[in-house]
């Protein structure tokens, strides 16, 4: 996977997020990649880049509680 141009990313977080800042932000506006970062760190956060298909698999796993340890 190429390194995406993070300056073009449009970050958003869930409407269910509270004001505590403990959120994951997602950017899905760049072709072929979905980006995730920690909202507490903002632009200083490490960024995880995954394919849109892998992001959907990840979300499905969260929604079905398959990630509980």
C-alpha atoms as a PDB file:
ATOM      1  CA  UNK A   1       0.000   0.000   0.000  1.00  0.00           C
ATOM      2  CA  UNK A   2       1.294   3.463  -0.868  1.00  0.00           C
ATOM      3  CA  UNK A   3       1.748   6.151   1.753  1.00  0.00           C
ATOM      4  CA  UNK A   4      -1.380   8.301   1.573  1.00  0.00           C
ATOM      5  CA  UNK A   5      -1.190  12.103   1.530  1.00  0.00           C
ATOM      6  CA  UNK A   6      -2.420  12.809   5.070  1.00  0.00           C
ATOM      7  CA  UNK A   7      -2.755  16.525   4.364  1.00  0.00           C
ATOM      8  CA  UNK A   8      -5.773  15.693   2.178  1.00  0.00           C
ATOM      9  CA  UNK A   9      -7.498  13.497   4.764  1.00  0.00           C
ATOM     10  CA  UNK A  10     -10.879  14.663   6.066  1.00  0.00           C
ATOM     11  CA  UNK A  11     -11.030  13.294   9.614  1.00  0.00           C
ATOM     12  CA  UNK A  12     -14.287  12.548  11.436  1.00  0.00           C
ATOM     13  CA  UNK A  13     -15.329  10.757  14.592  1.00  0.00           C
ATOM     14  CA  UNK A  14     -18.520   9.060  15.631  1.00  0.00           C
ATOM     15  CA  UNK A  15     -21.525  11.183  16.482  1.00  0.00           C
ATOM     16  CA  UNK A  16     -21.725   9.011  19.612  1.00  0.00           C
ATOM     17  CA  UNK A  17     -18.364  10.304  20.815  1.00  0.00           C
ATOM     18  CA  UNK A  18     -18.378  12.315  24.000  1.00  0.00           C
ATOM     19  CA  UNK A  19     -16.272  15.391  24.643  1.00  0.00           C
ATOM     20  CA  UNK A  20     -13.631  13.419  26.571  1.00  0.00           C
ATOM     21  CA  UNK A  21     -11.400  13.089  23.529  1.00  0.00           C
ATOM     22  CA  UNK A  22     -10.971   9.309  23.822  1.00  0.00           C
ATOM     23  CA  UNK A  23     -12.035   8.576  20.283  1.00  0.00           C
ATOM     24  CA  UNK A  24     -10.848   7.069  17.061  1.00  0.00           C
ATOM     25  CA  UNK A  25     -10.992   9.335  14.032  1.00  0.00           C
ATOM     26  CA  UNK A  26     -11.518   7.953  10.537  1.00  0.00           C
ATOM     27  CA  UNK A  27     -10.768   9.414   7.117  1.00  0.00           C
ATOM     28  CA  UNK A  28     -12.361   7.712   4.118  1.00  0.00           C
ATOM     29  CA  UNK A  29     -11.991  10.340   1.405  1.00  0.00           C
ATOM     30  CA  UNK A  30      -8.716   9.077  -0.090  1.00  0.00           C
ATOM     31  CA  UNK A  31      -9.029   6.511  -2.895  1.00  0.00           C
ATOM     32  CA  UNK A  32      -8.340   2.905  -1.909  1.00  0.00           C
ATOM     33  CA  UNK A  33      -7.568   3.516   1.760  1.00  0.00           C
ATOM     34  CA  UNK A  34      -9.226   4.090   5.110  1.00  0.00           C
ATOM     35  CA  UNK A  35      -7.203   5.923   7.746  1.00  0.00           C
ATOM     36  CA  UNK A  36      -7.559   5.685  11.529  1.00  0.00           C
ATOM     37  CA  UNK A  37      -5.954   7.762  14.270  1.00  0.00           C
ATOM     38  CA  UNK A  38      -6.300   8.666  17.960  1.00  0.00           C
ATOM     39  CA  UNK A  39      -8.295  11.866  18.434  1.00  0.00           C
ATOM     40  CA  UNK A  40      -6.375  12.767  21.604  1.00  0.00           C
ATOM     41  CA  UNK A  41      -3.194  13.219  19.573  1.00  0.00           C
ATOM     42  CA  UNK A  42      -4.745  14.745  16.449  1.00  0.00           C
ATOM     43  CA  UNK A  43      -2.174  15.514  13.775  1.00  0.00           C
ATOM     44  CA  UNK A  44       0.584  14.057  15.993  1.00  0.00           C
ATOM     45  CA  UNK A  45      -1.128  10.655  16.147  1.00  0.00           C
ATOM     46  CA  UNK A  46       0.288   7.638  14.363  1.00  0.00           C
ATOM     47  CA  UNK A  47      -2.012   6.711  11.474  1.00  0.00           C
ATOM     48  CA  UNK A  48      -3.176   3.223  10.575  1.00  0.00           C
ATOM     49  CA  UNK A  49      -3.986   2.800   6.876  1.00  0.00           C
ATOM     50  CA  UNK A  50      -6.104  -0.154   5.765  1.00  0.00           C
ATOM     51  CA  UNK A  51      -8.049  -1.055   2.662  1.00  0.00           C
ATOM     52  CA  UNK A  52     -11.758  -0.185   2.732  1.00  0.00           C
ATOM     53  CA  UNK A  53     -12.593  -3.924   2.620  1.00  0.00           C
ATOM     54  CA  UNK A  54     -10.455  -4.634   5.689  1.00  0.00           C
ATOM     55  CA  UNK A  55     -12.044  -1.707   7.522  1.00  0.00           C
ATOM     56  CA  UNK A  56     -15.517  -3.167   6.918  1.00  0.00           C
ATOM     57  CA  UNK A  57     -14.336  -6.551   8.251  1.00  0.00           C
ATOM     58  CA  UNK A  58     -12.918  -4.791  11.330  1.00  0.00           C
ATOM     59  CA  UNK A  59     -16.181  -2.903  11.954  1.00  0.00           C
ATOM     60  CA  UNK A  60     -18.213  -6.091  11.563  1.00  0.00           C
ATOM     61  CA  UNK A  61     -15.990  -7.810  14.145  1.00  0.00           C
ATOM     62  CA  UNK A  62     -16.515  -4.942  16.601  1.00  0.00           C
ATOM     63  CA  UNK A  63     -20.285  -4.887  16.089  1.00  0.00           C
ATOM     64  CA  UNK A  64     -20.576  -8.644  16.641  1.00  0.00           C
ATOM     65  CA  UNK A  65     -18.322  -8.636  19.774  1.00  0.00           C
ATOM     66  CA  UNK A  66     -15.771 -10.970  18.175  1.00  0.00           C
ATOM     67  CA  UNK A  67     -12.872  -8.890  19.510  1.00  0.00           C
ATOM     68  CA  UNK A  68     -13.564  -9.353  23.219  1.00  0.00           C
ATOM     69  CA  UNK A  69     -10.479 -10.775  24.825  1.00  0.00           C
END
